[in-house]
Amino acid sequence: MMQASRRSLLIGGGALVALAACSTEPTPAPTKPTAPLPGIEERIGALEDKYDAYAGVFATDLGSGRSVAHRADDPFAMCSTFKAYASARVLQKAQHGELKLTDEVTIEASDILPNSPITQARVGANMTIAQLCQAALQRSDNAAANWLLRIIGGPSRITDFARTIGDDAARLDRWEIELNSAIPGDLRDTSTPRGLGTGFSNLLTGDALALPQRDQLEAWMRANETSSMRAGLPQGWTTADKTGSGDYASSNDVGIAYGPDGQRLLLAIMTRTRTDDPDAETLRPMIGELAALLVPHLTQSGAS
């Protein structure tokens, strides 16, 4: 029998050593499956605990119909969100020829209230109805809002108007600034996230207003300077929304969020403190965090 050459033995031995080295490498441990994110209800509840607050949410992707409802039928103080209804009712009256947006009123010193940044600079001068709407919607000017209430016939007309646009919960009983007292259990000047959300959706995307008036309302609200929800939106998103704030940390933001690819999300967020402190700190940051949860959930980019 032919003997193996020294060269072949060396080569064979090297291969065995290589195989042995390979066989001693540790086998990777199996990867543990990533734990699923908590459900959207649980995440909203965690934010309520974080801020010691109640959050009412009614949110819908107007394209897919995917929605979230959390305390959606609980009453919350409307605060300045009513200013969208007041401006929309003015637009409706203009649509029907009952007034012109170019009609003017004279701003008196007695009109001025806390948080009247536009009107306080116009005391003794005239402002058009359109300028009053802009001041109320974009800077939440309280004196301008009371002028709008006078023009449409008083707070009760907001209640009447709300019923015509699908909000079966809203009621406005008082004027600025008393309507912001937001006393727990007091149903005056309240609505629900579902009620306000439905009303805003019909105003901004439905046929509650004729197209020119709807476009005007949207343009005014896109220029809102007080938005809380925008802080939580992804890059490239914007809103047409209206905020509101009052005692007991009542902090609201309601409107349509618009995505860069044509997405339209209705976001109605209303909050208040769980405590009995009328001077509790604002919950505006909570609204941004809620928006940051809702957008990926509704668009399914981070849905659970």
C-alpha atoms as a PDB file:
ATOM      1  CA  MET A   1       0.000   0.000   0.000  1.00  0.00           C
ATOM      2  CA  MET A   2       1.293   3.407  -0.969  1.00  0.00           C
ATOM      3  CA  GLN A   3       2.149   5.553   2.002  1.00  0.00           C
ATOM      4  CA  ALA A   4       0.807   9.070   2.219  1.00  0.00           C
ATOM      5  CA  SER A   5       3.395  11.703   1.534  1.00  0.00           C
ATOM      6  CA  ARG A   6       4.504  14.103   4.235  1.00  0.00           C
ATOM      7  CA  ARG A   7       2.969  16.992   2.218  1.00  0.00           C
ATOM      8  CA  SER A   8      -0.466  15.355   2.036  1.00  0.00           C
ATOM      9  CA  LEU A   9      -0.433  14.619   5.746  1.00  0.00           C
ATOM     10  CA  LEU A  10       0.378  18.222   6.558  1.00  0.00           C
ATOM     11  CA  ILE A  11      -2.390  19.488   4.327  1.00  0.00           C
ATOM     12  CA  GLY A  12      -4.889  17.041   5.799  1.00  0.00           C
ATOM     13  CA  GLY A  13      -3.857  17.911   9.317  1.00  0.00           C
ATOM     14  CA  GLY A  14      -4.284  21.633   8.622  1.00  0.00           C
ATOM     15  CA  ALA A  15      -7.807  21.053   7.384  1.00  0.00           C
ATOM     16  CA  LEU A  16      -8.670  19.110  10.523  1.00  0.00           C
ATOM     17  CA  VAL A  17      -7.304  21.905  12.693  1.00  0.00           C
ATOM     18  CA  ALA A  18      -9.394  24.451  10.756  1.00  0.00           C
ATOM     19  CA  LEU A  19     -12.493  22.321  11.150  1.00  0.00           C
ATOM     20  CA  ALA A  20     -11.831  21.931  14.842  1.00  0.00           C
ATOM     21  CA  ALA A  21     -11.409  25.695  15.214  1.00  0.00           C
ATOM     22  CA  CYS A  22     -14.701  26.302  13.446  1.00  0.00           C
ATOM     23  CA  SER A  23     -16.491  23.800  15.607  1.00  0.00           C
ATOM     24  CA  THR A  24     -15.418  25.555  18.792  1.00  0.00           C
ATOM     25  CA  GLU A  25     -17.104  28.912  17.906  1.00  0.00           C
ATOM     26  CA  PRO A  26     -20.040  29.575  20.233  1.00  0.00           C
ATOM     27  CA  THR A  27     -23.503  29.226  18.791  1.00  0.00           C
ATOM     28  CA  PRO A  28     -25.329  32.577  18.947  1.00  0.00           C
ATOM     29  CA  ALA A  29     -28.123  32.662  21.505  1.00  0.00           C
ATOM     30  CA  PRO A  30     -31.565  32.833  19.947  1.00  0.00           C
ATOM     31  CA  THR A  31     -32.876  36.392  19.693  1.00  0.00           C
ATOM     32  CA  LYS A  32     -35.753  37.099  22.011  1.00  0.00           C
ATOM     33  CA  PRO A  33     -38.824  38.415  20.218  1.00  0.00           C
ATOM     34  CA  THR A  34     -39.399  42.140  20.745  1.00  0.00           C
ATOM     35  CA  ALA A  35     -42.166  42.732  23.231  1.00  0.00           C
ATOM     36  CA  PRO A  36     -45.156  44.386  21.584  1.00  0.00           C
ATOM     37  CA  LEU A  37     -45.863  47.990  22.480  1.00  0.00           C
ATOM     38  CA  PRO A  38     -48.671  48.499  24.943  1.00  0.00           C
ATOM     39  CA  GLY A  39     -52.025  49.233  23.348  1.00  0.00           C
ATOM     40  CA  ILE A  40     -52.989  52.796  22.566  1.00  0.00           C
ATOM     41  CA  GLU A  41     -55.432  52.901  25.489  1.00  0.00           C
ATOM     42  CA  GLU A  42     -52.697  51.812  27.881  1.00  0.00           C
ATOM     43  CA  ARG A  43     -50.295  54.411  26.510  1.00  0.00           C
ATOM     44  CA  ILE A  44     -52.867  57.180  26.876  1.00  0.00           C
ATOM     45  CA  GLY A  45     -53.531  55.969  30.418  1.00  0.00           C
ATOM     46  CA  ALA A  46     -49.798  56.124  31.169  1.00  0.00           C
ATOM     47  CA  LEU A  47     -49.735  59.762  30.057  1.00  0.00           C
ATOM     48  CA  GLU A  48     -52.731  60.476  32.296  1.00  0.00           C
ATOM     49  CA  ASP A  49     -50.777  59.042  35.221  1.00  0.00           C
ATOM     50  CA  LYS A  50     -47.642  60.972  34.248  1.00  0.00           C
ATOM     51  CA  TYR A  51     -49.486  64.291  34.248  1.00  0.00           C
ATOM     52  CA  ASP A  52     -52.048  63.418  36.952  1.00  0.00           C
ATOM     53  CA  ALA A  53     -54.721  64.380  34.452  1.00  0.00           C
ATOM     54  CA  TYR A  54     -57.733  63.197  32.518  1.00  0.00           C
ATOM     55  CA  ALA A  55     -57.449  63.110  28.744  1.00  0.00           C
ATOM     56  CA  GLY A  56     -60.375  62.945  26.372  1.00  0.00           C
ATOM     57  CA  VAL A  57     -59.496  61.856  22.855  1.00  0.00           C
ATOM     58  CA  PHE A  58     -61.476  61.417  19.670  1.00  0.00           C
ATOM     59  CA  ALA A  59     -59.219  60.902  16.667  1.00  0.00           C
ATOM     60  CA  THR A  60     -59.814  59.533  13.185  1.00  0.00           C
ATOM     61  CA  ASP A  61     -57.852  59.011   9.987  1.00  0.00           C
ATOM     62  CA  LEU A  62     -60.301  60.561   7.545  1.00  0.00           C
ATOM     63  CA  GLY A  63     -58.917  58.378   4.777  1.00  0.00           C
ATOM     64  CA  SER A  64     -58.921  54.918   6.331  1.00  0.00           C
ATOM     65  CA  GLY A  65     -61.483  55.467   9.088  1.00  0.00           C
ATOM     66  CA  ARG A  66     -59.088  54.084  11.715  1.00  0.00           C
ATOM     67  CA  SER A  67     -59.980  55.787  14.998  1.00  0.00           C
ATOM     68  CA  VAL A  68     -59.224  56.156  18.694  1.00  0.00           C
ATOM     69  CA  ALA A  69     -61.741  57.084  21.391  1.00  0.00           C
ATOM     70  CA  HIS A  70     -60.702  57.579  25.032  1.00  0.00           C
ATOM     71  CA  ARG A  71     -63.120  59.340  27.378  1.00  0.00           C
ATOM     72  CA  ALA A  72     -64.567  60.598  24.099  1.00  0.00           C
ATOM     73  CA  ASP A  73     -68.025  61.206  25.545  1.00  0.00           C
ATOM     74  CA  ASP A  74     -66.962  62.821  28.814  1.00  0.00           C
ATOM     75  CA  PRO A  75     -67.690  66.557  29.147  1.00  0.00           C
ATOM     76  CA  PHE A  76     -64.722  68.934  29.232  1.00  0.00           C
ATOM     77  CA  ALA A  77     -64.712  72.721  29.345  1.00  0.00           C
ATOM     78  CA  MET A  78     -64.550  74.047  25.773  1.00  0.00           C
ATOM     79  CA  CYS A  79     -62.628  77.179  26.712  1.00  0.00           C
ATOM     80  CA  SER A  80     -61.420  78.974  23.570  1.00  0.00           C
ATOM     81  CA  THR A  81     -62.167  76.138  21.163  1.00  0.00           C
ATOM     82  CA  PHE A  82     -65.626  77.754  20.820  1.00  0.00           C
ATOM     83  CA  LYS A  83     -63.941  80.544  18.817  1.00  0.00           C
ATOM     84  CA  ALA A  84     -63.801  78.226  15.801  1.00  0.00           C
ATOM     85  CA  TYR A  85     -67.577  77.825  16.004  1.00  0.00           C
ATOM     86  CA  ALA A  86     -68.088  81.577  16.412  1.00  0.00           C
ATOM     87  CA  SER A  87     -65.920  82.331  13.378  1.00  0.00           C
ATOM     88  CA  ALA A  88     -67.624  79.612  11.341  1.00  0.00           C
ATOM     89  CA  ARG A  89     -71.059  81.002  12.204  1.00  0.00           C
ATOM     90  CA  VAL A  90     -69.900  84.462  11.075  1.00  0.00           C
ATOM     91  CA  LEU A  91     -68.719  82.927   7.800  1.00  0.00           C
ATOM     92  CA  GLN A  92     -72.068  81.195   7.411  1.00  0.00           C
ATOM     93  CA  LYS A  93     -73.894  84.494   7.914  1.00  0.00           C
ATOM     94  CA  ALA A  94     -71.641  86.085   5.290  1.00  0.00           C
ATOM     95  CA  GLN A  95     -72.384  83.149   2.983  1.00  0.00           C
ATOM     96  CA  HIS A  96     -76.103  83.882   3.368  1.00  0.00           C
ATOM     97  CA  GLY A  97     -75.630  87.606   2.757  1.00  0.00           C
ATOM     98  CA  GLU A  98     -76.518  88.608   6.331  1.00  0.00           C
ATOM     99  CA  LEU A  99     -73.242  90.482   6.832  1.00  0.00           C
ATOM    100  CA  LYS A 100     -69.957  91.255   5.101  1.00  0.00           C
ATOM    101  CA  LEU A 101     -66.546  90.322   6.407  1.00  0.00           C
ATOM    102  CA  THR A 102     -65.499  93.875   5.566  1.00  0.00           C
ATOM    103  CA  ASP A 103     -68.070  95.345   8.005  1.00  0.00           C
ATOM    104  CA  GLU A 104     -66.335  97.201  10.836  1.00  0.00           C
ATOM    105  CA  VAL A 105     -66.709  97.616  14.590  1.00  0.00           C
ATOM    106  CA  THR A 106     -65.010 100.113  16.883  1.00  0.00           C
ATOM    107  CA  ILE A 107     -62.840  98.680  19.642  1.00  0.00           C
ATOM    108  CA  GLU A 108     -63.470 100.385  22.991  1.00  0.00           C
ATOM    109  CA  ALA A 109     -61.309 100.302  26.106  1.00  0.00           C
ATOM    110  CA  SER A 110     -64.173  98.552  27.913  1.00  0.00           C
ATOM    111  CA  ASP A 111     -63.925  95.645  25.454  1.00  0.00           C
ATOM    112  CA  ILE A 112     -60.409  94.675  26.493  1.00  0.00           C
ATOM    113  CA  LEU A 113     -59.935  91.548  28.609  1.00  0.00           C
ATOM    114  CA  PRO A 114     -56.928  89.488  29.670  1.00  0.00           C
ATOM    115  CA  ASN A 115     -55.351  87.846  26.608  1.00  0.00           C
ATOM    116  CA  SER A 116     -56.500  90.357  24.011  1.00  0.00           C
ATOM    117  CA  PRO A 117     -53.174  90.893  22.217  1.00  0.00           C
ATOM    118  CA  ILE A 118     -54.605  92.202  18.941  1.00  0.00           C
ATOM    119  CA  THR A 119     -57.577  94.259  20.086  1.00  0.00           C
ATOM    120  CA  GLN A 120     -55.738  96.006  22.906  1.00  0.00           C
ATOM    121  CA  ALA A 121     -53.548  97.666  20.288  1.00  0.00           C
ATOM    122  CA  ARG A 122     -56.616  98.821  18.369  1.00  0.00           C
ATOM    123  CA  VAL A 123     -58.559 100.655  21.081  1.00  0.00           C
ATOM    124  CA  GLY A 124     -60.315 103.620  19.514  1.00  0.00           C
ATOM    125  CA  ALA A 125     -59.840 102.203  16.026  1.00  0.00           C
ATOM    126  CA  ASN A 126     -61.995 100.065  13.776  1.00  0.00           C
ATOM    127  CA  MET A 127     -61.523  96.396  12.982  1.00  0.00           C
ATOM    128  CA  THR A 128     -63.280  94.419  10.267  1.00  0.00           C
ATOM    129  CA  ILE A 129     -65.203  91.276  11.105  1.00  0.00           C
ATOM    130  CA  ALA A 130     -62.570  89.309   9.192  1.00  0.00           C
ATOM    131  CA  GLN A 131     -59.858  90.802  11.410  1.00  0.00           C
ATOM    132  CA  LEU A 132     -61.837  89.850  14.501  1.00  0.00           C
ATOM    133  CA  CYS A 133     -62.025  86.252  13.276  1.00  0.00           C
ATOM    134  CA  GLN A 134     -58.301  86.175  12.599  1.00  0.00           C
ATOM    135  CA  ALA A 135     -57.520  87.599  16.051  1.00  0.00           C
ATOM    136  CA  ALA A 136     -59.804  85.070  17.763  1.00  0.00           C
ATOM    137  CA  LEU A 137     -58.567  82.057  15.803  1.00  0.00           C
ATOM    138  CA  GLN A 138     -54.870  82.794  15.479  1.00  0.00           C
ATOM    139  CA  ARG A 139     -54.081  84.551  18.762  1.00  0.00           C
ATOM    140  CA  SER A 140     -57.148  83.472  20.796  1.00  0.00           C
ATOM    141  CA  ASP A 141     -57.964  87.138  21.419  1.00  0.00           C
ATOM    142  CA  ASN A 142     -60.750  87.284  24.021  1.00  0.00           C
ATOM    143  CA  ALA A 143     -62.101  90.736  23.234  1.00  0.00           C
ATOM    144  CA  ALA A 144     -62.343  89.764  19.569  1.00  0.00           C
ATOM    145  CA  ALA A 145     -64.204  86.592  20.556  1.00  0.00           C
ATOM    146  CA  ASN A 146     -66.778  88.537  22.566  1.00  0.00           C
ATOM    147  CA  TRP A 147     -67.311  90.803  19.569  1.00  0.00           C
ATOM    148  CA  LEU A 148     -67.993  87.722  17.438  1.00  0.00           C
ATOM    149  CA  LEU A 149     -70.498  86.518  20.034  1.00  0.00           C
ATOM    150  CA  ARG A 150     -72.272  89.874  19.864  1.00  0.00           C
ATOM    151  CA  ILE A 151     -72.402  89.690  16.081  1.00  0.00           C
ATOM    152  CA  ILE A 152     -74.018  86.237  16.043  1.00  0.00           C
ATOM    153  CA  GLY A 153     -76.422  86.901  18.930  1.00  0.00           C
ATOM    154  CA  GLY A 154     -74.709  85.703  22.111  1.00  0.00           C
ATOM    155  CA  PRO A 155     -73.368  82.469  23.651  1.00  0.00           C
ATOM    156  CA  SER A 156     -76.572  80.470  23.150  1.00  0.00           C
ATOM    157  CA  ARG A 157     -76.160  80.822  19.384  1.00  0.00           C
ATOM    158  CA  ILE A 158     -73.005  78.713  19.646  1.00  0.00           C
ATOM    159  CA  THR A 159     -75.121  75.937  21.144  1.00  0.00           C
ATOM    160  CA  ASP A 160     -77.656  76.258  18.326  1.00  0.00           C
ATOM    161  CA  PHE A 161     -74.959  76.284  15.667  1.00  0.00           C
ATOM    162  CA  ALA A 162     -73.221  73.249  17.153  1.00  0.00           C
ATOM    163  CA  ARG A 163     -76.368  71.163  16.695  1.00  0.00           C
ATOM    164  CA  THR A 164     -76.476  71.986  12.984  1.00  0.00           C
ATOM    165  CA  ILE A 165     -72.924  70.711  12.400  1.00  0.00           C
ATOM    166  CA  GLY A 166     -73.132  67.399  14.240  1.00  0.00           C
ATOM    167  CA  ASP A 167     -71.941  68.421  17.713  1.00  0.00           C
ATOM    168  CA  ASP A 168     -74.754  67.229  19.970  1.00  0.00           C
ATOM    169  CA  ALA A 169     -72.840  67.933  23.188  1.00  0.00           C
ATOM    170  CA  ALA A 170     -71.575  71.518  23.026  1.00  0.00           C
ATOM    171  CA  ARG A 171     -73.243  74.242  25.048  1.00  0.00           C
ATOM    172  CA  LEU A 172     -71.982  77.767  25.553  1.00  0.00           C
ATOM    173  CA  ASP A 173     -73.563  79.637  28.457  1.00  0.00           C
ATOM    174  CA  ARG A 174     -71.227  82.522  29.282  1.00  0.00           C
ATOM    175  CA  TRP A 175     -68.923  85.100  27.729  1.00  0.00           C
ATOM    176  CA  GLU A 176     -65.161  85.477  27.929  1.00  0.00           C
ATOM    177  CA  ILE A 177     -63.508  85.151  30.342  1.00  0.00           C
ATOM    178  CA  GLU A 178     -65.998  83.617  32.786  1.00  0.00           C
ATOM    179  CA  LEU A 179     -66.549  80.607  30.521  1.00  0.00           C
ATOM    180  CA  ASN A 180     -63.047  79.363  31.385  1.00  0.00           C
ATOM    181  CA  SER A 181     -63.790  78.598  35.054  1.00  0.00           C
ATOM    182  CA  ALA A 182     -63.982  74.883  34.136  1.00  0.00           C
ATOM    183  CA  ILE A 183     -65.226  73.829  37.567  1.00  0.00           C
ATOM    184  CA  PRO A 184     -65.307  70.009  37.742  1.00  0.00           C
ATOM    185  CA  GLY A 185     -68.861  68.767  37.354  1.00  0.00           C
ATOM    186  CA  ASP A 186     -70.136  72.079  35.967  1.00  0.00           C
ATOM    187  CA  LEU A 187     -71.692  71.373  32.563  1.00  0.00           C
ATOM    188  CA  ARG A 188     -71.782  75.006  31.500  1.00  0.00           C
ATOM    189  CA  ASP A 189     -69.589  75.831  28.508  1.00  0.00           C
ATOM    190  CA  THR A 190     -68.642  72.208  27.838  1.00  0.00           C
ATOM    191  CA  SER A 191     -68.561  69.726  25.011  1.00  0.00           C
ATOM    192  CA  THR A 192     -67.029  66.286  24.505  1.00  0.00           C
ATOM    193  CA  PRO A 193     -64.081  65.232  22.372  1.00  0.00           C
ATOM    194  CA  ARG A 194     -66.450  63.324  20.082  1.00  0.00           C
ATOM    195  CA  GLY A 195     -68.837  66.277  19.862  1.00  0.00           C
ATOM    196  CA  LEU A 196     -66.191  68.901  19.112  1.00  0.00           C
ATOM    197  CA  GLY A 197     -64.296  66.556  16.831  1.00  0.00           C
ATOM    198  CA  THR A 198     -67.415  65.877  14.780  1.00  0.00           C
ATOM    199  CA  GLY A 199     -68.233  69.573  14.560  1.00  0.00           C
ATOM    200  CA  PHE A 200     -64.717  70.598  13.534  1.00  0.00           C
ATOM    201  CA  SER A 201     -64.550  67.802  10.960  1.00  0.00           C
ATOM    202  CA  ASN A 202     -67.809  68.895   9.362  1.00  0.00           C
ATOM    203  CA  LEU A 203     -66.618  72.501   9.260  1.00  0.00           C
ATOM    204  CA  LEU A 204     -63.168  71.813   7.824  1.00  0.00           C
ATOM    205  CA  THR A 205     -63.812  68.815   5.577  1.00  0.00           C
ATOM    206  CA  GLY A 206     -67.580  68.543   5.185  1.00  0.00           C
ATOM    207  CA  ASP A 207     -70.360  70.622   3.702  1.00  0.00           C
ATOM    208  CA  ALA A 208     -71.354  72.635   6.785  1.00  0.00           C
ATOM    209  CA  LEU A 209     -69.987  75.676   4.941  1.00  0.00           C
ATOM    210  CA  ALA A 210     -69.867  76.457   1.241  1.00  0.00           C
ATOM    211  CA  LEU A 211     -66.439  75.871  -0.307  1.00  0.00           C
ATOM    212  CA  PRO A 212     -65.225  79.521  -0.255  1.00  0.00           C
ATOM    213  CA  GLN A 213     -66.153  79.903   3.417  1.00  0.00           C
ATOM    214  CA  ARG A 214     -64.690  76.513   4.304  1.00  0.00           C
ATOM    215  CA  ASP A 215     -61.442  77.412   2.575  1.00  0.00           C
ATOM    216  CA  GLN A 216     -61.347  80.727   4.434  1.00  0.00           C
ATOM    217  CA  LEU A 217     -61.851  79.033   7.801  1.00  0.00           C
ATOM    218  CA  GLU A 218     -59.118  76.500   7.033  1.00  0.00           C
ATOM    219  CA  ALA A 219     -56.700  79.215   5.949  1.00  0.00           C
ATOM    220  CA  TRP A 220     -57.279  81.193   9.146  1.00  0.00           C
ATOM    221  CA  MET A 221     -56.848  78.091  11.293  1.00  0.00           C
ATOM    222  CA  ARG A 222     -53.718  76.898   9.494  1.00  0.00           C
ATOM    223  CA  ALA A 223     -52.167  80.204  10.609  1.00  0.00           C
ATOM    224  CA  ASN A 224     -52.993  79.519  14.276  1.00  0.00           C
ATOM    225  CA  GLU A 225     -50.094  80.659  16.468  1.00  0.00           C
ATOM    226  CA  THR A 226     -51.164  78.854  19.651  1.00  0.00           C
ATOM    227  CA  SER A 227     -51.183  75.199  18.533  1.00  0.00           C
ATOM    228  CA  SER A 228     -50.222  72.580  21.123  1.00  0.00           C
ATOM    229  CA  MET A 229     -50.583  69.473  18.963  1.00  0.00           C
ATOM    230  CA  ARG A 230     -48.021  70.585  16.373  1.00  0.00           C
ATOM    231  CA  ALA A 231     -45.203  69.902  18.843  1.00  0.00           C
ATOM    232  CA  GLY A 232     -45.976  66.181  18.576  1.00  0.00           C
ATOM    233  CA  LEU A 233     -46.394  65.896  14.809  1.00  0.00           C
ATOM    234  CA  PRO A 234     -43.817  64.314  12.482  1.00  0.00           C
ATOM    235  CA  GLN A 235     -41.731  66.544  10.253  1.00  0.00           C
ATOM    236  CA  GLY A 236     -43.675  67.832   7.265  1.00  0.00           C
ATOM    237  CA  TRP A 237     -47.062  67.809   9.030  1.00  0.00           C
ATOM    238  CA  THR A 238     -49.170  70.864   9.826  1.00  0.00           C
ATOM    239  CA  THR A 239     -52.604  71.622  11.258  1.00  0.00           C
ATOM    240  CA  ALA A 240     -55.714  73.735  11.090  1.00  0.00           C
ATOM    241  CA  ASP A 241     -56.614  73.748  14.781  1.00  0.00           C
ATOM    242  CA  LYS A 242     -57.914  75.760  17.709  1.00  0.00           C
ATOM    243  CA  THR A 243     -56.678  75.608  21.261  1.00  0.00           C
ATOM    244  CA  GLY A 244     -58.369  76.449  24.536  1.00  0.00           C
ATOM    245  CA  SER A 245     -57.265  76.743  28.156  1.00  0.00           C
ATOM    246  CA  GLY A 246     -58.839  77.532  31.490  1.00  0.00           C
ATOM    247  CA  ASP A 247     -58.834  76.745  35.181  1.00  0.00           C
ATOM    248  CA  TYR A 248     -58.093  73.268  36.568  1.00  0.00           C
ATOM    249  CA  ALA A 249     -55.394  72.931  33.881  1.00  0.00           C
ATOM    250  CA  SER A 250     -58.055  72.674  31.185  1.00  0.00           C
ATOM    251  CA  SER A 251     -56.053  72.454  27.968  1.00  0.00           C
ATOM    252  CA  ASN A 252     -57.580  71.564  24.612  1.00  0.00           C
ATOM    253  CA  ASP A 253     -56.613  71.386  20.970  1.00  0.00           C
ATOM    254  CA  VAL A 254     -58.986  70.327  18.198  1.00  0.00           C
ATOM    255  CA  GLY A 255     -58.502  70.308  14.450  1.00  0.00           C
ATOM    256  CA  ILE A 256     -57.224  68.551  11.359  1.00  0.00           C
ATOM    257  CA  ALA A 257     -53.604  67.421  11.022  1.00  0.00           C
ATOM    258  CA  TYR A 258     -52.358  67.316   7.431  1.00  0.00           C
ATOM    259  CA  GLY A 259     -49.541  64.989   6.369  1.00  0.00           C
ATOM    260  CA  PRO A 260     -47.080  65.510   3.497  1.00  0.00           C
ATOM    261  CA  ASP A 261     -48.630  62.669   1.480  1.00  0.00           C
ATOM    262  CA  GLY A 262     -52.215  63.871   1.692  1.00  0.00           C
ATOM    263  CA  GLN A 263     -53.068  62.364   5.079  1.00  0.00           C
ATOM    264  CA  ARG A 264     -55.850  64.078   7.041  1.00  0.00           C
ATOM    265  CA  LEU A 265     -56.304  63.200  10.691  1.00  0.00           C
ATOM    266  CA  LEU A 266     -59.000  64.588  12.933  1.00  0.00           C
ATOM    267  CA  LEU A 267     -57.500  65.130  16.389  1.00  0.00           C
ATOM    268  CA  ALA A 268     -59.767  66.248  19.224  1.00  0.00           C
ATOM    269  CA  ILE A 269     -57.839  66.341  22.505  1.00  0.00           C
ATOM    270  CA  MET A 270     -59.294  67.750  25.734  1.00  0.00           C
ATOM    271  CA  THR A 271     -57.558  67.556  29.116  1.00  0.00           C
ATOM    272  CA  ARG A 272     -57.884  68.674  32.732  1.00  0.00           C
ATOM    273  CA  THR A 273     -56.121  67.999  36.015  1.00  0.00           C
ATOM    274  CA  ARG A 274     -57.220  65.212  38.354  1.00  0.00           C
ATOM    275  CA  THR A 275     -56.513  67.487  41.303  1.00  0.00           C
ATOM    276  CA  ASP A 276     -58.761  70.071  42.953  1.00  0.00           C
ATOM    277  CA  ASP A 277     -56.363  72.903  42.135  1.00  0.00           C
ATOM    278  CA  PRO A 278     -57.893  75.568  39.872  1.00  0.00           C
ATOM    279  CA  ASP A 279     -54.397  76.981  39.324  1.00  0.00           C
ATOM    280  CA  ALA A 280     -52.798  73.685  38.260  1.00  0.00           C
ATOM    281  CA  GLU A 281     -50.123  73.991  35.592  1.00  0.00           C
ATOM    282  CA  THR A 282     -51.197  73.875  31.954  1.00  0.00           C
ATOM    283  CA  LEU A 283     -51.289  70.513  30.186  1.00  0.00           C
ATOM    284  CA  ARG A 284     -50.191  71.824  26.786  1.00  0.00           C
ATOM    285  CA  PRO A 285     -47.094  69.534  26.764  1.00  0.00           C
ATOM    286  CA  MET A 286     -49.383  66.545  27.338  1.00  0.00           C
ATOM    287  CA  ILE A 287     -51.315  67.444  24.192  1.00  0.00           C
ATOM    288  CA  GLY A 288     -48.104  67.316  22.159  1.00  0.00           C
ATOM    289  CA  GLU A 289     -47.272  63.909  23.613  1.00  0.00           C
ATOM    290  CA  LEU A 290     -50.766  62.623  22.859  1.00  0.00           C
ATOM    291  CA  ALA A 291     -50.465  63.811  19.253  1.00  0.00           C
ATOM    292  CA  ALA A 292     -47.129  61.996  19.011  1.00  0.00           C
ATOM    293  CA  LEU A 293     -48.892  58.762  20.061  1.00  0.00           C
ATOM    294  CA  LEU A 294     -51.943  59.182  17.867  1.00  0.00           C
ATOM    295  CA  VAL A 295     -50.396  59.991  14.493  1.00  0.00           C
ATOM    296  CA  PRO A 296     -48.378  56.765  14.052  1.00  0.00           C
ATOM    297  CA  HIS A 297     -51.231  54.715  15.462  1.00  0.00           C
ATOM    298  CA  LEU A 298     -53.819  56.166  13.112  1.00  0.00           C
ATOM    299  CA  THR A 299     -51.535  55.946  10.067  1.00  0.00           C
ATOM    300  CA  GLN A 300     -50.375  52.457  11.144  1.00  0.00           C
ATOM    301  CA  SER A 301     -46.715  53.476  10.924  1.00  0.00           C
ATOM    302  CA  GLY A 302     -46.416  52.531  14.586  1.00  0.00           C
ATOM    303  CA  ALA A 303     -49.758  50.949  15.311  1.00  0.00           C
ATOM    304  CA  SER A 304     -50.241  48.264  17.907  1.00  0.00           C
END
